[in-house]
Amino acid sequence: MLLEEKYYRVLAQKRDGLHGVFHIALLRDCDVYRGHFPGRPVSPGVCNIETIKELTMALTGKSLCIQHIKSCRFTAVASPDICPEVDVEITVVPSPEGYAVAAIIRDAKATYLELKGEMTA
């Protein structure tokens, strides 16, 4: 895991087979935020996508690579100042190529990212 305990920390999780909701804290003092708009940190999209990949790996118990992203919508600005804790909801469906993945990052106020794609082992 590249970002766990550096960029985010899992505070709680609920799993049901290949569906899970991970409640995570965005770690404001990490190197990513110190370099990405210091003083007014913004969560980089690539880090949010990597977080989804890492949590999908935790959900499946497999080391995964992103094969392709069918759609990825950034619908609001995520930041540890705006949303210090968020939920990452992931649904995984086995497919001939690997796993179809649908994920949402959100809190009670906003949805920050919606992703659909394919990951392979």
PDB file of N, CA and C in Angstrom:
ATOM      1  N   MET A   1       0.833  -1.165   0.000  1.00  0.00           N
ATOM      2  CA  MET A   1       0.000   0.000   0.000  1.00  0.00           C
ATOM      3  C   MET A   1       0.890   1.245   0.000  1.00  0.00           C
ATOM      4  N   LEU A   2       0.691   2.087  -0.968  1.00  0.00           N
ATOM      5  CA  LEU A   2       1.513   3.277  -1.107  1.00  0.00           C
ATOM      6  C   LEU A   2       1.046   4.430  -0.231  1.00  0.00           C
ATOM      7  N   LEU A   3      -0.263   4.600  -0.099  1.00  0.00           N
ATOM      8  CA  LEU A   3      -0.792   5.794   0.555  1.00  0.00           C
ATOM      9  C   LEU A   3      -1.391   5.557   1.937  1.00  0.00           C
ATOM     10  N   GLU A   4      -1.738   4.322   2.251  1.00  0.00           N
ATOM     11  CA  GLU A   4      -2.350   4.058   3.552  1.00  0.00           C
ATOM     12  C   GLU A   4      -1.382   4.435   4.669  1.00  0.00           C
ATOM     13  N   GLU A   5      -1.880   5.121   5.652  1.00  0.00           N
ATOM     14  CA  GLU A   5      -1.135   5.647   6.806  1.00  0.00           C
ATOM     15  C   GLU A   5      -0.173   6.777   6.423  1.00  0.00           C
ATOM     16  N   LYS A   6      -0.188   7.195   5.163  1.00  0.00           N
ATOM     17  CA  LYS A   6       0.593   8.352   4.734  1.00  0.00           C
ATOM     18  C   LYS A   6      -0.348   9.457   4.260  1.00  0.00           C
ATOM     19  N   TYR A   7      -1.301   9.110   3.389  1.00  0.00           N
ATOM     20  CA  TYR A   7      -2.270  10.045   2.812  1.00  0.00           C
ATOM     21  C   TYR A   7      -3.640   9.884   3.473  1.00  0.00           C
ATOM     22  N   TYR A   8      -3.966   8.658   3.834  1.00  0.00           N
ATOM     23  CA  TYR A   8      -5.249   8.378   4.477  1.00  0.00           C
ATOM     24  C   TYR A   8      -5.079   7.300   5.530  1.00  0.00           C
ATOM     25  N   ARG A   9      -6.052   7.234   6.425  1.00  0.00           N
ATOM     26  CA  ARG A   9      -6.095   6.185   7.451  1.00  0.00           C
ATOM     27  C   ARG A   9      -7.522   5.634   7.490  1.00  0.00           C
ATOM     28  N   VAL A  10      -7.651   4.321   7.475  1.00  0.00           N
ATOM     29  CA  VAL A  10      -8.963   3.685   7.582  1.00  0.00           C
ATOM     30  C   VAL A  10      -9.390   3.747   9.049  1.00  0.00           C
ATOM     31  N   LEU A  11     -10.528   4.382   9.282  1.00  0.00           N
ATOM     32  CA  LEU A  11     -11.060   4.512  10.636  1.00  0.00           C
ATOM     33  C   LEU A  11     -12.075   3.420  10.950  1.00  0.00           C
ATOM     34  N   ALA A  12     -12.832   3.016   9.937  1.00  0.00           N
ATOM     35  CA  ALA A  12     -13.847   1.968  10.105  1.00  0.00           C
ATOM     36  C   ALA A  12     -14.156   1.393   8.729  1.00  0.00           C
ATOM     37  N   GLN A  13     -14.694   0.189   8.728  1.00  0.00           N
ATOM     38  CA  GLN A  13     -15.087  -0.427   7.463  1.00  0.00           C
ATOM     39  C   GLN A  13     -16.233  -1.389   7.678  1.00  0.00           C
ATOM     40  N   LYS A  14     -17.074  -1.463   6.665  1.00  0.00           N
ATOM     41  CA  LYS A  14     -18.168  -2.439   6.633  1.00  0.00           C
ATOM     42  C   LYS A  14     -18.033  -3.181   5.314  1.00  0.00           C
ATOM     43  N   ARG A  15     -17.974  -4.502   5.408  1.00  0.00           N
ATOM     44  CA  ARG A  15     -17.816  -5.320   4.202  1.00  0.00           C
ATOM     45  C   ARG A  15     -18.938  -6.337   4.115  1.00  0.00           C
ATOM     46  N   ASP A  16     -19.358  -6.572   2.894  1.00  0.00           N
ATOM     47  CA  ASP A  16     -20.331  -7.619   2.601  1.00  0.00           C
ATOM     48  C   ASP A  16     -19.910  -8.232   1.272  1.00  0.00           C
ATOM     49  N   GLY A  17     -19.126  -9.284   1.334  1.00  0.00           N
ATOM     50  CA  GLY A  17     -18.613  -9.894   0.109  1.00  0.00           C
ATOM     51  C   GLY A  17     -17.695  -8.929  -0.616  1.00  0.00           C
ATOM     52  N   LEU A  18     -18.028  -8.619  -1.857  1.00  0.00           N
ATOM     53  CA  LEU A  18     -17.217  -7.719  -2.665  1.00  0.00           C
ATOM     54  C   LEU A  18     -17.781  -6.298  -2.686  1.00  0.00           C
ATOM     55  N   HIS A  19     -18.484  -5.943  -1.645  1.00  0.00           N
ATOM     56  CA  HIS A  19     -18.971  -4.566  -1.465  1.00  0.00           C
ATOM     57  C   HIS A  19     -18.465  -4.077  -0.114  1.00  0.00           C
ATOM     58  N   GLY A  20     -17.962  -2.868  -0.091  1.00  0.00           N
ATOM     59  CA  GLY A  20     -17.465  -2.341   1.172  1.00  0.00           C
ATOM     60  C   GLY A  20     -17.593  -0.835   1.249  1.00  0.00           C
ATOM     61  N   VAL A  21     -17.724  -0.343   2.462  1.00  0.00           N
ATOM     62  CA  VAL A  21     -17.688   1.084   2.732  1.00  0.00           C
ATOM     63  C   VAL A  21     -16.571   1.297   3.746  1.00  0.00           C
ATOM     64  N   PHE A  22     -15.592   2.116   3.359  1.00  0.00           N
ATOM     65  CA  PHE A  22     -14.445   2.414   4.196  1.00  0.00           C
ATOM     66  C   PHE A  22     -14.559   3.870   4.640  1.00  0.00           C
ATOM     67  N   HIS A  23     -14.587   4.086   5.930  1.00  0.00           N
ATOM     68  CA  HIS A  23     -14.593   5.441   6.468  1.00  0.00           C
ATOM     69  C   HIS A  23     -13.138   5.799   6.724  1.00  0.00           C
ATOM     70  N   ILE A  24     -12.638   6.820   6.015  1.00  0.00           N
ATOM     71  CA  ILE A  24     -11.220   7.153   6.098  1.00  0.00           C
ATOM     72  C   ILE A  24     -11.025   8.603   6.538  1.00  0.00           C
ATOM     73  N   ALA A  25      -9.870   8.858   7.132  1.00  0.00           N
ATOM     74  CA  ALA A  25      -9.424  10.211   7.456  1.00  0.00           C
ATOM     75  C   ALA A  25      -8.366  10.606   6.441  1.00  0.00           C
ATOM     76  N   LEU A  26      -8.478  11.809   5.906  1.00  0.00           N
ATOM     77  CA  LEU A  26      -7.437  12.368   5.048  1.00  0.00           C
ATOM     78  C   LEU A  26      -6.405  13.015   5.965  1.00  0.00           C
ATOM     79  N   LEU A  27      -5.158  12.629   5.836  1.00  0.00           N
ATOM     80  CA  LEU A  27      -4.108  13.043   6.758  1.00  0.00           C
ATOM     81  C   LEU A  27      -3.461  14.344   6.283  1.00  0.00           C
ATOM     82  N   ARG A  28      -3.909  15.445   6.836  1.00  0.00           N
ATOM     83  CA  ARG A  28      -3.510  16.781   6.400  1.00  0.00           C
ATOM     84  C   ARG A  28      -2.000  17.016   6.482  1.00  0.00           C
ATOM     85  N   ASP A  29      -1.324  16.387   7.408  1.00  0.00           N
ATOM     86  CA  ASP A  29       0.102  16.633   7.597  1.00  0.00           C
ATOM     87  C   ASP A  29       1.001  15.765   6.708  1.00  0.00           C
ATOM     88  N   CYS A  30       0.435  15.071   5.744  1.00  0.00           N
ATOM     89  CA  CYS A  30       1.256  14.207   4.889  1.00  0.00           C
ATOM     90  C   CYS A  30       2.026  15.032   3.857  1.00  0.00           C
ATOM     91  N   ASP A  31       3.043  14.430   3.287  1.00  0.00           N
ATOM     92  CA  ASP A  31       3.880  15.101   2.288  1.00  0.00           C
ATOM     93  C   ASP A  31       3.081  15.562   1.072  1.00  0.00           C
ATOM     94  N   VAL A  32       2.062  14.803   0.686  1.00  0.00           N
ATOM     95  CA  VAL A  32       1.252  15.172  -0.485  1.00  0.00           C
ATOM     96  C   VAL A  32       0.651  16.554  -0.284  1.00  0.00           C
ATOM     97  N   TYR A  33       0.036  16.782   0.858  1.00  0.00           N
ATOM     98  CA  TYR A  33      -0.611  18.071   1.104  1.00  0.00           C
ATOM     99  C   TYR A  33       0.392  19.197   1.339  1.00  0.00           C
ATOM    100  N   ARG A  34       1.554  18.873   1.873  1.00  0.00           N
ATOM    101  CA  ARG A  34       2.582  19.903   2.050  1.00  0.00           C
ATOM    102  C   ARG A  34       3.057  20.416   0.692  1.00  0.00           C
ATOM    103  N   GLY A  35       3.021  19.575  -0.326  1.00  0.00           N
ATOM    104  CA  GLY A  35       3.469  19.975  -1.652  1.00  0.00           C
ATOM    105  C   GLY A  35       2.356  20.366  -2.607  1.00  0.00           C
ATOM    106  N   HIS A  36       1.134  20.057  -2.285  1.00  0.00           N
ATOM    107  CA  HIS A  36       0.006  20.324  -3.184  1.00  0.00           C
ATOM    108  C   HIS A  36      -0.839  21.440  -2.582  1.00  0.00           C
ATOM    109  N   PHE A  37      -0.501  22.662  -2.929  1.00  0.00           N
ATOM    110  CA  PHE A  37      -1.149  23.872  -2.420  1.00  0.00           C
ATOM    111  C   PHE A  37      -0.966  24.020  -0.909  1.00  0.00           C
ATOM    112  N   PRO A  38       0.285  24.191  -0.457  1.00  0.00           N
ATOM    113  CA  PRO A  38       0.555  24.349   0.977  1.00  0.00           C
ATOM    114  C   PRO A  38      -0.315  25.455   1.587  1.00  0.00           C
ATOM    115  N   GLY A  39      -0.835  25.180   2.762  1.00  0.00           N
ATOM    116  CA  GLY A  39      -1.702  26.131   3.443  1.00  0.00           C
ATOM    117  C   GLY A  39      -3.155  26.046   3.027  1.00  0.00           C
ATOM    118  N   ARG A  40      -3.414  25.599   1.810  1.00  0.00           N
ATOM    119  CA  ARG A  40      -4.776  25.397   1.305  1.00  0.00           C
ATOM    120  C   ARG A  40      -4.803  24.078   0.536  1.00  0.00           C
ATOM    121  N   PRO A  41      -4.623  22.966   1.237  1.00  0.00           N
ATOM    122  CA  PRO A  41      -4.440  21.677   0.558  1.00  0.00           C
ATOM    123  C   PRO A  41      -5.678  21.225  -0.219  1.00  0.00           C
ATOM    124  N   VAL A  42      -5.405  20.604  -1.357  1.00  0.00           N
ATOM    125  CA  VAL A  42      -6.437  19.996  -2.197  1.00  0.00           C
ATOM    126  C   VAL A  42      -6.022  18.555  -2.459  1.00  0.00           C
ATOM    127  N   SER A  43      -6.966  17.653  -2.377  1.00  0.00           N
ATOM    128  CA  SER A  43      -6.669  16.236  -2.611  1.00  0.00           C
ATOM    129  C   SER A  43      -6.438  15.998  -4.099  1.00  0.00           C
ATOM    130  N   PRO A  44      -5.243  15.560  -4.488  1.00  0.00           N
ATOM    131  CA  PRO A  44      -4.984  15.272  -5.902  1.00  0.00           C
ATOM    132  C   PRO A  44      -5.832  14.094  -6.388  1.00  0.00           C
ATOM    133  N   GLY A  45      -6.385  14.239  -7.574  1.00  0.00           N
ATOM    134  CA  GLY A  45      -7.219  13.178  -8.134  1.00  0.00           C
ATOM    135  C   GLY A  45      -6.503  11.848  -8.217  1.00  0.00           C
ATOM    136  N   VAL A  46      -5.227  11.872  -8.597  1.00  0.00           N
ATOM    137  CA  VAL A  46      -4.473  10.621  -8.719  1.00  0.00           C
ATOM    138  C   VAL A  46      -4.369   9.921  -7.362  1.00  0.00           C
ATOM    139  N   CYS A  47      -4.266  10.683  -6.279  1.00  0.00           N
ATOM    140  CA  CYS A  47      -4.205  10.069  -4.941  1.00  0.00           C
ATOM    141  C   CYS A  47      -5.558   9.471  -4.553  1.00  0.00           C
ATOM    142  N   ASN A  48      -6.645  10.134  -4.947  1.00  0.00           N
ATOM    143  CA  ASN A  48      -7.970   9.572  -4.667  1.00  0.00           C
ATOM    144  C   ASN A  48      -8.184   8.272  -5.440  1.00  0.00           C
ATOM    145  N   ILE A  49      -7.709   8.231  -6.678  1.00  0.00           N
ATOM    146  CA  ILE A  49      -7.835   7.009  -7.476  1.00  0.00           C
ATOM    147  C   ILE A  49      -6.968   5.901  -6.885  1.00  0.00           C
ATOM    148  N   GLU A  50      -5.757   6.225  -6.461  1.00  0.00           N
ATOM    149  CA  GLU A  50      -4.893   5.227  -5.823  1.00  0.00           C
ATOM    150  C   GLU A  50      -5.517   4.727  -4.525  1.00  0.00           C
ATOM    151  N   THR A  51      -6.151   5.605  -3.764  1.00  0.00           N
ATOM    152  CA  THR A  51      -6.844   5.187  -2.542  1.00  0.00           C
ATOM    153  C   THR A  51      -7.924   4.170  -2.867  1.00  0.00           C
ATOM    154  N   ILE A  52      -8.697   4.414  -3.918  1.00  0.00           N
ATOM    155  CA  ILE A  52      -9.735   3.464  -4.340  1.00  0.00           C
ATOM    156  C   ILE A  52      -9.092   2.126  -4.713  1.00  0.00           C
ATOM    157  N   LYS A  53      -7.981   2.175  -5.452  1.00  0.00           N
ATOM    158  CA  LYS A  53      -7.301   0.925  -5.831  1.00  0.00           C
ATOM    159  C   LYS A  53      -6.848   0.163  -4.593  1.00  0.00           C
ATOM    160  N   GLU A  54      -6.230   0.855  -3.644  1.00  0.00           N
ATOM    161  CA  GLU A  54      -5.736   0.184  -2.442  1.00  0.00           C
ATOM    162  C   GLU A  54      -6.878  -0.408  -1.620  1.00  0.00           C
ATOM    163  N   LEU A  55      -7.982   0.313  -1.497  1.00  0.00           N
ATOM    164  CA  LEU A  55      -9.121  -0.218  -0.736  1.00  0.00           C
ATOM    165  C   LEU A  55      -9.797  -1.364  -1.487  1.00  0.00           C
ATOM    166  N   THR A  56      -9.768  -1.335  -2.816  1.00  0.00           N
ATOM    167  CA  THR A  56     -10.284  -2.463  -3.604  1.00  0.00           C
ATOM    168  C   THR A  56      -9.404  -3.690  -3.379  1.00  0.00           C
ATOM    169  N   MET A  57      -8.100  -3.488  -3.278  1.00  0.00           N
ATOM    170  CA  MET A  57      -7.188  -4.595  -2.985  1.00  0.00           C
ATOM    171  C   MET A  57      -7.493  -5.183  -1.605  1.00  0.00           C
ATOM    172  N   ALA A  58      -7.770  -4.333  -0.640  1.00  0.00           N
ATOM    173  CA  ALA A  58      -8.126  -4.815   0.697  1.00  0.00           C
ATOM    174  C   ALA A  58      -9.435  -5.600   0.650  1.00  0.00           C
ATOM    175  N   LEU A  59     -10.363  -5.136  -0.165  1.00  0.00           N
ATOM    176  CA  LEU A  59     -11.668  -5.791  -0.279  1.00  0.00           C
ATOM    177  C   LEU A  59     -11.562  -7.157  -0.952  1.00  0.00           C
ATOM    178  N   THR A  60     -10.731  -7.253  -1.993  1.00  0.00           N
ATOM    179  CA  THR A  60     -10.602  -8.513  -2.740  1.00  0.00           C
ATOM    180  C   THR A  60      -9.529  -9.433  -2.175  1.00  0.00           C
ATOM    181  N   GLY A  61      -8.588  -8.876  -1.423  1.00  0.00           N
ATOM    182  CA  GLY A  61      -7.471  -9.671  -0.932  1.00  0.00           C
ATOM    183  C   GLY A  61      -6.455  -9.983  -2.013  1.00  0.00           C
ATOM    184  N   LYS A  62      -6.468  -9.217  -3.112  1.00  0.00           N
ATOM    185  CA  LYS A  62      -5.548  -9.461  -4.228  1.00  0.00           C
ATOM    186  C   LYS A  62      -4.770  -8.190  -4.558  1.00  0.00           C
ATOM    187  N   SER A  63      -3.566  -8.372  -5.060  1.00  0.00           N
ATOM    188  CA  SER A  63      -2.787  -7.260  -5.584  1.00  0.00           C
ATOM    189  C   SER A  63      -3.354  -6.921  -6.965  1.00  0.00           C
ATOM    190  N   LEU A  64      -3.766  -5.678  -7.175  1.00  0.00           N
ATOM    191  CA  LEU A  64      -4.458  -5.306  -8.404  1.00  0.00           C
ATOM    192  C   LEU A  64      -3.751  -4.173  -9.127  1.00  0.00           C
ATOM    193  N   CYS A  65      -3.977  -4.118 -10.434  1.00  0.00           N
ATOM    194  CA  CYS A  65      -3.551  -3.007 -11.280  1.00  0.00           C
ATOM    195  C   CYS A  65      -4.791  -2.439 -11.949  1.00  0.00           C
ATOM    196  N   ILE A  66      -4.805  -1.146 -12.167  1.00  0.00           N
ATOM    197  CA  ILE A  66      -5.904  -0.534 -12.906  1.00  0.00           C
ATOM    198  C   ILE A  66      -5.683  -0.844 -14.380  1.00  0.00           C
ATOM    199  N   GLN A  67      -6.623  -1.563 -14.966  1.00  0.00           N
ATOM    200  CA  GLN A  67      -6.540  -1.910 -16.387  1.00  0.00           C
ATOM    201  C   GLN A  67      -7.015  -0.731 -17.239  1.00  0.00           C
ATOM    202  N   HIS A  68      -8.195  -0.219 -16.911  1.00  0.00           N
ATOM    203  CA  HIS A  68      -8.686   0.997 -17.570  1.00  0.00           C
ATOM    204  C   HIS A  68      -9.765   1.645 -16.702  1.00  0.00           C
ATOM    205  N   ILE A  69      -9.926   2.923 -16.922  1.00  0.00           N
ATOM    206  CA  ILE A  69     -10.967   3.677 -16.234  1.00  0.00           C
ATOM    207  C   ILE A  69     -12.001   4.060 -17.278  1.00  0.00           C
ATOM    208  N   LYS A  70     -13.202   3.559 -17.087  1.00  0.00           N
ATOM    209  CA  LYS A  70     -14.296   3.836 -18.022  1.00  0.00           C
ATOM    210  C   LYS A  70     -14.806   5.259 -17.827  1.00  0.00           C
ATOM    211  N   SER A  71     -14.978   5.656 -16.573  1.00  0.00           N
ATOM    212  CA  SER A  71     -15.403   7.025 -16.273  1.00  0.00           C
ATOM    213  C   SER A  71     -14.888   7.413 -14.901  1.00  0.00           C
ATOM    214  N   CYS A  72     -14.553   8.676 -14.772  1.00  0.00           N
ATOM    215  CA  CYS A  72     -14.106   9.215 -13.492  1.00  0.00           C
ATOM    216  C   CYS A  72     -14.550  10.667 -13.444  1.00  0.00           C
ATOM    217  N   ARG A  73     -15.455  10.952 -12.523  1.00  0.00           N
ATOM    218  CA  ARG A  73     -15.989  12.313 -12.391  1.00  0.00           C
ATOM    219  C   ARG A  73     -15.583  12.884 -11.042  1.00  0.00           C
ATOM    220  N   PHE A  74     -14.925  14.025 -11.084  1.00  0.00           N
ATOM    221  CA  PHE A  74     -14.599  14.764  -9.871  1.00  0.00           C
ATOM    222  C   PHE A  74     -15.697  15.814  -9.722  1.00  0.00           C
ATOM    223  N   THR A  75     -16.593  15.605  -8.768  1.00  0.00           N
ATOM    224  CA  THR A  75     -17.793  16.428  -8.673  1.00  0.00           C
ATOM    225  C   THR A  75     -17.697  17.536  -7.630  1.00  0.00           C
ATOM    226  N   ALA A  76     -16.668  17.511  -6.784  1.00  0.00           N
ATOM    227  CA  ALA A  76     -16.432  18.563  -5.793  1.00  0.00           C
ATOM    228  C   ALA A  76     -14.966  18.489  -5.382  1.00  0.00           C
ATOM    229  N   VAL A  77     -14.454  19.580  -4.863  1.00  0.00           N
ATOM    230  CA  VAL A  77     -13.065  19.625  -4.415  1.00  0.00           C
ATOM    231  C   VAL A  77     -12.964  18.955  -3.049  1.00  0.00           C
ATOM    232  N   ALA A  78     -12.120  17.947  -2.969  1.00  0.00           N
ATOM    233  CA  ALA A  78     -11.858  17.265  -1.699  1.00  0.00           C
ATOM    234  C   ALA A  78     -10.605  17.857  -1.085  1.00  0.00           C
ATOM    235  N   SER A  79     -10.637  18.019   0.219  1.00  0.00           N
ATOM    236  CA  SER A  79      -9.517  18.598   0.951  1.00  0.00           C
ATOM    237  C   SER A  79      -9.648  18.189   2.410  1.00  0.00           C
ATOM    238  N   PRO A  80      -8.534  17.960   3.080  1.00  0.00           N
ATOM    239  CA  PRO A  80      -8.642  17.629   4.501  1.00  0.00           C
ATOM    240  C   PRO A  80      -9.228  18.778   5.321  1.00  0.00           C
ATOM    241  N   ASP A  81      -9.201  19.995   4.778  1.00  0.00           N
ATOM    242  CA  ASP A  81      -9.819  21.122   5.471  1.00  0.00           C
ATOM    243  C   ASP A  81     -11.342  21.128   5.279  1.00  0.00           C
ATOM    244  N   ILE A  82     -11.793  20.694   4.110  1.00  0.00           N
ATOM    245  CA  ILE A  82     -13.223  20.674   3.780  1.00  0.00           C
ATOM    246  C   ILE A  82     -13.882  19.399   4.279  1.00  0.00           C
ATOM    247  N   CYS A  83     -13.223  18.287   4.041  1.00  0.00           N
ATOM    248  CA  CYS A  83     -13.787  16.970   4.382  1.00  0.00           C
ATOM    249  C   CYS A  83     -12.688  16.109   5.008  1.00  0.00           C
ATOM    250  N   PRO A  84     -12.374  16.315   6.281  1.00  0.00           N
ATOM    251  CA  PRO A  84     -11.288  15.564   6.913  1.00  0.00           C
ATOM    252  C   PRO A  84     -11.565  14.059   6.985  1.00  0.00           C
ATOM    253  N   GLU A  85     -12.840  13.678   6.938  1.00  0.00           N
ATOM    254  CA  GLU A  85     -13.217  12.265   6.914  1.00  0.00           C
ATOM    255  C   GLU A  85     -14.246  12.056   5.809  1.00  0.00           C
ATOM    256  N   VAL A  86     -14.062  10.986   5.049  1.00  0.00           N
ATOM    257  CA  VAL A  86     -14.979  10.659   3.959  1.00  0.00           C
ATOM    258  C   VAL A  86     -15.248   9.159   3.962  1.00  0.00           C
ATOM    259  N   ASP A  87     -16.288   8.777   3.255  1.00  0.00           N
ATOM    260  CA  ASP A  87     -16.585   7.370   3.017  1.00  0.00           C
ATOM    261  C   ASP A  87     -16.190   7.027   1.593  1.00  0.00           C
ATOM    262  N   VAL A  88     -15.556   5.884   1.430  1.00  0.00           N
ATOM    263  CA  VAL A  88     -15.225   5.350   0.111  1.00  0.00           C
ATOM    264  C   VAL A  88     -16.039   4.070  -0.040  1.00  0.00           C
ATOM    265  N   GLU A  89     -17.042   4.119  -0.905  1.00  0.00           N
ATOM    266  CA  GLU A  89     -17.897   2.958  -1.141  1.00  0.00           C
ATOM    267  C   GLU A  89     -17.462   2.287  -2.431  1.00  0.00           C
ATOM    268  N   ILE A  90     -17.216   0.990  -2.356  1.00  0.00           N
ATOM    269  CA  ILE A  90     -16.691   0.241  -3.497  1.00  0.00           C
ATOM    270  C   ILE A  90     -17.526  -1.004  -3.719  1.00  0.00           C
ATOM    271  N   THR A  91     -17.907  -1.216  -4.976  1.00  0.00           N
ATOM    272  CA  THR A  91     -18.579  -2.445  -5.388  1.00  0.00           C
ATOM    273  C   THR A  91     -17.714  -3.096  -6.458  1.00  0.00           C
ATOM    274  N   VAL A  92     -17.393  -4.367  -6.250  1.00  0.00           N
ATOM    275  CA  VAL A  92     -16.534  -5.120  -7.163  1.00  0.00           C
ATOM    276  C   VAL A  92     -17.336  -6.287  -7.725  1.00  0.00           C
ATOM    277  N   VAL A  93     -17.261  -6.460  -9.044  1.00  0.00           N
ATOM    278  CA  VAL A  93     -17.936  -7.578  -9.712  1.00  0.00           C
ATOM    279  C   VAL A  93     -16.895  -8.311 -10.553  1.00  0.00           C
ATOM    280  N   PRO A  94     -16.688  -9.618 -10.295  1.00  0.00           N
ATOM    281  CA  PRO A  94     -15.752 -10.364 -11.142  1.00  0.00           C
ATOM    282  C   PRO A  94     -16.168 -10.279 -12.614  1.00  0.00           C
ATOM    283  N   SER A  95     -15.187 -10.154 -13.497  1.00  0.00           N
ATOM    284  CA  SER A  95     -15.445 -10.093 -14.933  1.00  0.00           C
ATOM    285  C   SER A  95     -14.419 -10.971 -15.632  1.00  0.00           C
ATOM    286  N   PRO A  96     -14.622 -11.249 -16.908  1.00  0.00           N
ATOM    287  CA  PRO A  96     -13.652 -12.080 -17.630  1.00  0.00           C
ATOM    288  C   PRO A  96     -12.235 -11.491 -17.611  1.00  0.00           C
ATOM    289  N   GLU A  97     -12.127 -10.164 -17.572  1.00  0.00           N
ATOM    290  CA  GLU A  97     -10.821  -9.517 -17.594  1.00  0.00           C
ATOM    291  C   GLU A  97     -10.224  -9.352 -16.203  1.00  0.00           C
ATOM    292  N   GLY A  98     -11.018  -9.459 -15.158  1.00  0.00           N
ATOM    293  CA  GLY A  98     -10.542  -9.231 -13.792  1.00  0.00           C
ATOM    294  C   GLY A  98     -11.700  -8.848 -12.893  1.00  0.00           C
ATOM    295  N   TYR A  99     -11.786  -7.546 -12.589  1.00  0.00           N
ATOM    296  CA  TYR A  99     -12.846  -7.045 -11.717  1.00  0.00           C
ATOM    297  C   TYR A  99     -13.376  -5.718 -12.240  1.00  0.00           C
ATOM    298  N   ALA A 100     -14.677  -5.629 -12.400  1.00  0.00           N
ATOM    299  CA  ALA A 100     -15.317  -4.339 -12.666  1.00  0.00           C
ATOM    300  C   ALA A 100     -15.479  -3.657 -11.315  1.00  0.00           C
ATOM    301  N   VAL A 101     -15.075  -2.396 -11.251  1.00  0.00           N
ATOM    302  CA  VAL A 101     -15.084  -1.662  -9.994  1.00  0.00           C
ATOM    303  C   VAL A 101     -15.895  -0.384 -10.161  1.00  0.00           C
ATOM    304  N   ALA A 102     -16.797  -0.147  -9.218  1.00  0.00           N
ATOM    305  CA  ALA A 102     -17.525   1.119  -9.136  1.00  0.00           C
ATOM    306  C   ALA A 102     -17.253   1.676  -7.744  1.00  0.00           C
ATOM    307  N   ALA A 103     -16.855   2.950  -7.676  1.00  0.00           N
ATOM    308  CA  ALA A 103     -16.500   3.539  -6.393  1.00  0.00           C
ATOM    309  C   ALA A 103     -16.990   4.976  -6.307  1.00  0.00           C
ATOM    310  N   ILE A 104     -17.297   5.375  -5.080  1.00  0.00           N
ATOM    311  CA  ILE A 104     -17.727   6.742  -4.793  1.00  0.00           C
ATOM    312  C   ILE A 104     -16.999   7.205  -3.538  1.00  0.00           C
ATOM    313  N   ILE A 105     -16.476   8.424  -3.586  1.00  0.00           N
ATOM    314  CA  ILE A 105     -15.928   9.063  -2.393  1.00  0.00           C
ATOM    315  C   ILE A 105     -16.884  10.193  -2.032  1.00  0.00           C
ATOM    316  N   ARG A 106     -17.391  10.164  -0.773  1.00  0.00           N
ATOM    317  CA  ARG A 106     -18.371  11.170  -0.374  1.00  0.00           C
ATOM    318  C   ARG A 106     -18.417  11.319   1.135  1.00  0.00           C
ATOM    319  N   ASP A 107     -19.085  12.356   1.561  1.00  0.00           N
ATOM    320  CA  ASP A 107     -19.448  12.521   2.960  1.00  0.00           C
ATOM    321  C   ASP A 107     -20.903  12.972   2.992  1.00  0.00           C
ATOM    322  N   ALA A 108     -21.385  13.425   4.129  1.00  0.00           N
ATOM    323  CA  ALA A 108     -22.789  13.817   4.243  1.00  0.00           C
ATOM    324  C   ALA A 108     -23.110  15.069   3.420  1.00  0.00           C
ATOM    325  N   LYS A 109     -22.084  15.871   3.112  1.00  0.00           N
ATOM    326  CA  LYS A 109     -22.309  17.139   2.410  1.00  0.00           C
ATOM    327  C   LYS A 109     -22.165  17.051   0.894  1.00  0.00           C
ATOM    328  N   ALA A 110     -21.297  16.168   0.406  1.00  0.00           N
ATOM    329  CA  ALA A 110     -20.992  16.174  -1.025  1.00  0.00           C
ATOM    330  C   ALA A 110     -20.458  14.829  -1.488  1.00  0.00           C
ATOM    331  N   THR A 111     -20.568  14.612  -2.789  1.00  0.00           N
ATOM    332  CA  THR A 111     -19.883  13.524  -3.474  1.00  0.00           C
ATOM    333  C   THR A 111     -18.675  14.155  -4.152  1.00  0.00           C
ATOM    334  N   TYR A 112     -17.492  13.576  -3.929  1.00  0.00           N
ATOM    335  CA  TYR A 112     -16.254  14.157  -4.438  1.00  0.00           C
ATOM    336  C   TYR A 112     -15.747  13.466  -5.691  1.00  0.00           C
ATOM    337  N   LEU A 113     -15.996  12.166  -5.803  1.00  0.00           N
ATOM    338  CA  LEU A 113     -15.483  11.412  -6.945  1.00  0.00           C
ATOM    339  C   LEU A 113     -16.379  10.217  -7.208  1.00  0.00           C
ATOM    340  N   GLU A 114     -16.631   9.941  -8.479  1.00  0.00           N
ATOM    341  CA  GLU A 114     -17.330   8.724  -8.911  1.00  0.00           C
ATOM    342  C   GLU A 114     -16.465   8.067  -9.970  1.00  0.00           C
ATOM    343  N   LEU A 115     -16.173   6.786  -9.779  1.00  0.00           N
ATOM    344  CA  LEU A 115     -15.275   6.072 -10.689  1.00  0.00           C
ATOM    345  C   LEU A 115     -15.876   4.735 -11.089  1.00  0.00           C
ATOM    346  N   LYS A 116     -15.725   4.398 -12.361  1.00  0.00           N
ATOM    347  CA  LYS A 116     -16.042   3.064 -12.866  1.00  0.00           C
ATOM    348  C   LYS A 116     -14.868   2.622 -13.709  1.00  0.00           C
ATOM    349  N   GLY A 117     -14.426   1.390 -13.494  1.00  0.00           N
ATOM    350  CA  GLY A 117     -13.283   0.909 -14.250  1.00  0.00           C
ATOM    351  C   GLY A 117     -13.081  -0.582 -14.089  1.00  0.00           C
ATOM    352  N   GLU A 118     -11.948  -1.024 -14.572  1.00  0.00           N
ATOM    353  CA  GLU A 118     -11.582  -2.438 -14.560  1.00  0.00           C
ATOM    354  C   GLU A 118     -10.209  -2.585 -13.925  1.00  0.00           C
ATOM    355  N   MET A 119     -10.101  -3.528 -12.994  1.00  0.00           N
ATOM    356  CA  MET A 119      -8.808  -3.835 -12.374  1.00  0.00           C
ATOM    357  C   MET A 119      -8.494  -5.304 -12.602  1.00  0.00           C
ATOM    358  N   THR A 120      -7.195  -5.600 -12.730  1.00  0.00           N
ATOM    359  CA  THR A 120      -6.763  -6.970 -12.950  1.00  0.00           C
ATOM    360  C   THR A 120      -5.727  -7.355 -11.908  1.00  0.00           C
ATOM    361  N   ALA A 121      -5.659  -8.672 -11.648  1.00  0.00           N
ATOM    362  CA  ALA A 121      -4.695  -9.187 -10.672  1.00  0.00           C
ATOM    363  C   ALA A 121      -3.348  -9.378 -11.326  1.00  0.00           C
TER     364      ALA A 121
END
